[in-house]
């Protein structure tokens, strides 16, 4: 079994997790002004989900033919 890494999805996961971390540390408030804490929490959840799905999609299992 060979594991192949798709770097497009890996880059997407890195961006998603970076935006989620910036939301938690409130450093993204320099770039985006949220209307409330619920909007910031929703933005965090969606960027975290983007990171998780990108990470899951970046690995592909390749079974060699016998």
C-alpha atoms as a PDB file:
ATOM      1  CA  UNK A   1       0.000   0.000   0.000  1.00  0.00           C
ATOM      2  CA  UNK A   2       1.303   3.402  -1.017  1.00  0.00           C
ATOM      3  CA  UNK A   3       0.059   6.699   0.425  1.00  0.00           C
ATOM      4  CA  UNK A   4      -0.008   9.638  -1.974  1.00  0.00           C
ATOM      5  CA  UNK A   5      -0.226  13.252  -0.726  1.00  0.00           C
ATOM      6  CA  UNK A   6      -2.245  15.758  -2.746  1.00  0.00           C
ATOM      7  CA  UNK A   7      -0.610  19.104  -2.010  1.00  0.00           C
ATOM      8  CA  UNK A   8      -3.565  21.188  -3.224  1.00  0.00           C
ATOM      9  CA  UNK A   9      -5.775  19.819  -0.474  1.00  0.00           C
ATOM     10  CA  UNK A  10      -2.917  19.985   2.029  1.00  0.00           C
ATOM     11  CA  UNK A  11      -2.442  23.692   1.268  1.00  0.00           C
ATOM     12  CA  UNK A  12      -6.190  24.195   1.698  1.00  0.00           C
ATOM     13  CA  UNK A  13      -6.022  22.480   5.097  1.00  0.00           C
ATOM     14  CA  UNK A  14      -3.114  24.665   6.204  1.00  0.00           C
ATOM     15  CA  UNK A  15      -5.006  27.807   5.198  1.00  0.00           C
ATOM     16  CA  UNK A  16      -8.148  26.619   6.995  1.00  0.00           C
ATOM     17  CA  UNK A  17      -6.324  25.839  10.224  1.00  0.00           C
ATOM     18  CA  UNK A  18      -4.386  29.115  10.042  1.00  0.00           C
ATOM     19  CA  UNK A  19      -7.597  31.138   9.693  1.00  0.00           C
ATOM     20  CA  UNK A  20      -9.160  29.153  12.566  1.00  0.00           C
ATOM     21  CA  UNK A  21      -6.153  29.876  14.778  1.00  0.00           C
ATOM     22  CA  UNK A  22      -6.278  33.558  13.844  1.00  0.00           C
ATOM     23  CA  UNK A  23      -9.962  33.608  14.804  1.00  0.00           C
ATOM     24  CA  UNK A  24      -9.258  32.088  18.224  1.00  0.00           C
ATOM     25  CA  UNK A  25      -6.429  34.540  18.966  1.00  0.00           C
ATOM     26  CA  UNK A  26      -8.567  37.444  17.667  1.00  0.00           C
ATOM     27  CA  UNK A  27      -5.804  38.576  15.309  1.00  0.00           C
ATOM     28  CA  UNK A  28      -8.197  38.239  12.362  1.00  0.00           C
ATOM     29  CA  UNK A  29     -10.171  41.182  13.756  1.00  0.00           C
ATOM     30  CA  UNK A  30      -7.643  43.449  12.008  1.00  0.00           C
ATOM     31  CA  UNK A  31      -8.943  42.193   8.671  1.00  0.00           C
ATOM     32  CA  UNK A  32     -12.582  41.193   9.348  1.00  0.00           C
ATOM     33  CA  UNK A  33     -14.972  42.883  11.741  1.00  0.00           C
ATOM     34  CA  UNK A  34     -17.592  40.456  13.031  1.00  0.00           C
ATOM     35  CA  UNK A  35     -21.082  41.600  14.027  1.00  0.00           C
ATOM     36  CA  UNK A  36     -20.991  39.477  17.185  1.00  0.00           C
ATOM     37  CA  UNK A  37     -19.381  36.605  19.005  1.00  0.00           C
ATOM     38  CA  UNK A  38     -21.743  34.095  17.413  1.00  0.00           C
ATOM     39  CA  UNK A  39     -20.533  35.147  13.962  1.00  0.00           C
ATOM     40  CA  UNK A  40     -16.918  34.712  15.021  1.00  0.00           C
ATOM     41  CA  UNK A  41     -17.721  31.271  16.452  1.00  0.00           C
ATOM     42  CA  UNK A  42     -19.449  30.248  13.226  1.00  0.00           C
ATOM     43  CA  UNK A  43     -16.495  31.506  11.201  1.00  0.00           C
ATOM     44  CA  UNK A  44     -14.170  29.469  13.429  1.00  0.00           C
ATOM     45  CA  UNK A  45     -16.269  26.330  12.995  1.00  0.00           C
ATOM     46  CA  UNK A  46     -16.417  26.683   9.221  1.00  0.00           C
ATOM     47  CA  UNK A  47     -12.682  27.367   8.862  1.00  0.00           C
ATOM     48  CA  UNK A  48     -11.921  24.406  11.150  1.00  0.00           C
ATOM     49  CA  UNK A  49     -14.191  22.209   9.039  1.00  0.00           C
ATOM     50  CA  UNK A  50     -12.370  23.418   5.924  1.00  0.00           C
ATOM     51  CA  UNK A  51      -9.076  22.404   7.517  1.00  0.00           C
ATOM     52  CA  UNK A  52     -10.343  18.984   8.583  1.00  0.00           C
ATOM     53  CA  UNK A  53     -11.875  18.176   5.197  1.00  0.00           C
ATOM     54  CA  UNK A  54      -8.793  19.427   3.369  1.00  0.00           C
ATOM     55  CA  UNK A  55      -6.588  17.280   5.570  1.00  0.00           C
ATOM     56  CA  UNK A  56      -8.778  14.237   5.010  1.00  0.00           C
ATOM     57  CA  UNK A  57      -8.742  14.808   1.258  1.00  0.00           C
ATOM     58  CA  UNK A  58      -4.995  15.277   1.023  1.00  0.00           C
ATOM     59  CA  UNK A  59      -4.143  11.616   1.640  1.00  0.00           C
ATOM     60  CA  UNK A  60      -4.930   8.942  -0.923  1.00  0.00           C
ATOM     61  CA  UNK A  61      -4.276   5.247  -0.603  1.00  0.00           C
ATOM     62  CA  UNK A  62      -2.966   3.519  -3.713  1.00  0.00           C
ATOM     63  CA  UNK A  63      -3.011  -0.265  -3.824  1.00  0.00           C
ATOM     64  CA  UNK A  64      -0.486  -1.711  -6.290  1.00  0.00           C
ATOM     65  CA  UNK A  65      -1.864  -4.067  -8.908  1.00  0.00           C
ATOM     66  CA  UNK A  66      -1.037  -7.709  -8.418  1.00  0.00           C
END
